[in-house]
Amino acid sequence: MRCPRCQGRMFAEKYYDFVRSFDAWKCSCCGDVVDSTILQNRARSSSSFLG
């Protein structure tokens, strides 16, 4: 998978919250983290700007 920010290589990583754990992708170059919730929020915010 390629990073949407810098086109670097991303790898799967498990993150832990106080309540749950979740899997996400982390870029090895810039450190950007992407999971399903982040992608949904980005899609929702970009569609709200379109009107």
C-alpha atoms as a PDB file:
ATOM      1  CA  MET A   1       0.000   0.000   0.000  1.00  0.00           C
ATOM      2  CA  ARG A   2       1.214   3.510  -0.801  1.00  0.00           C
ATOM      3  CA  CYS A   3       0.858   6.502   1.512  1.00  0.00           C
ATOM      4  CA  PRO A   4      -1.702   9.047   0.282  1.00  0.00           C
ATOM      5  CA  ARG A   5       0.481  11.865   1.642  1.00  0.00           C
ATOM      6  CA  CYS A   6       4.017  11.038   0.429  1.00  0.00           C
ATOM      7  CA  GLN A   7       3.628   7.843  -1.668  1.00  0.00           C
ATOM      8  CA  GLY A   8       5.916   5.983   0.763  1.00  0.00           C
ATOM      9  CA  ARG A   9       5.472   2.362   1.837  1.00  0.00           C
ATOM     10  CA  MET A  10       2.850   1.658   4.500  1.00  0.00           C
ATOM     11  CA  PHE A  11       2.717  -1.270   6.885  1.00  0.00           C
ATOM     12  CA  ALA A  12      -0.029  -2.719   9.086  1.00  0.00           C
ATOM     13  CA  GLU A  13       0.180  -1.955  12.773  1.00  0.00           C
ATOM     14  CA  LYS A  14      -2.068  -2.678  15.760  1.00  0.00           C
ATOM     15  CA  TYR A  15      -3.019   0.248  18.011  1.00  0.00           C
ATOM     16  CA  TYR A  16      -4.517   0.082  21.495  1.00  0.00           C
ATOM     17  CA  ASP A  17      -7.055   2.458  22.980  1.00  0.00           C
ATOM     18  CA  PHE A  18      -8.296   2.454  26.567  1.00  0.00           C
ATOM     19  CA  VAL A  19     -11.313   0.427  25.483  1.00  0.00           C
ATOM     20  CA  ARG A  20     -10.377  -1.438  22.299  1.00  0.00           C
ATOM     21  CA  SER A  21      -7.665  -2.270  19.816  1.00  0.00           C
ATOM     22  CA  PHE A  22      -7.691  -1.572  16.085  1.00  0.00           C
ATOM     23  CA  ASP A  23      -5.578  -2.148  13.001  1.00  0.00           C
ATOM     24  CA  ALA A  24      -4.307   0.712  10.879  1.00  0.00           C
ATOM     25  CA  TRP A  25      -1.732   1.456   8.198  1.00  0.00           C
ATOM     26  CA  LYS A  26       1.332   3.541   9.107  1.00  0.00           C
ATOM     27  CA  CYS A  27       3.728   5.124   6.623  1.00  0.00           C
ATOM     28  CA  SER A  28       7.372   4.248   7.144  1.00  0.00           C
ATOM     29  CA  CYS A  29       8.478   7.600   5.637  1.00  0.00           C
ATOM     30  CA  CYS A  30       6.230  10.347   7.030  1.00  0.00           C
ATOM     31  CA  GLY A  31       4.420   8.510   9.855  1.00  0.00           C
ATOM     32  CA  ASP A  32       0.898   9.129   8.547  1.00  0.00           C
ATOM     33  CA  VAL A  33      -1.646   6.732  10.103  1.00  0.00           C
ATOM     34  CA  VAL A  34      -4.757   5.647   8.190  1.00  0.00           C
ATOM     35  CA  ASP A  35      -7.598   3.411   9.346  1.00  0.00           C
ATOM     36  CA  SER A  36     -11.214   2.943   8.286  1.00  0.00           C
ATOM     37  CA  THR A  37     -12.522   5.675  10.613  1.00  0.00           C
ATOM     38  CA  ILE A  38      -9.991   8.213   9.328  1.00  0.00           C
ATOM     39  CA  LEU A  39     -10.884   7.392   5.719  1.00  0.00           C
ATOM     40  CA  GLN A  40     -14.625   7.775   6.437  1.00  0.00           C
ATOM     41  CA  ASN A  41     -14.080  11.142   8.146  1.00  0.00           C
ATOM     42  CA  ARG A  42     -11.899  12.403   5.291  1.00  0.00           C
ATOM     43  CA  ALA A  43     -14.512  11.368   2.716  1.00  0.00           C
ATOM     44  CA  ARG A  44     -17.298  13.000   4.724  1.00  0.00           C
ATOM     45  CA  SER A  45     -15.403  16.275   5.214  1.00  0.00           C
ATOM     46  CA  SER A  46     -14.343  16.516   1.555  1.00  0.00           C
ATOM     47  CA  SER A  47     -17.922  15.912   0.336  1.00  0.00           C
ATOM     48  CA  SER A  48     -19.279  18.607   2.673  1.00  0.00           C
ATOM     49  CA  PHE A  49     -16.997  21.190   1.034  1.00  0.00           C
ATOM     50  CA  LEU A  50     -18.496  20.391  -2.374  1.00  0.00           C
ATOM     51  CA  GLY A  51     -21.899  21.590  -1.226  1.00  0.00           C
END
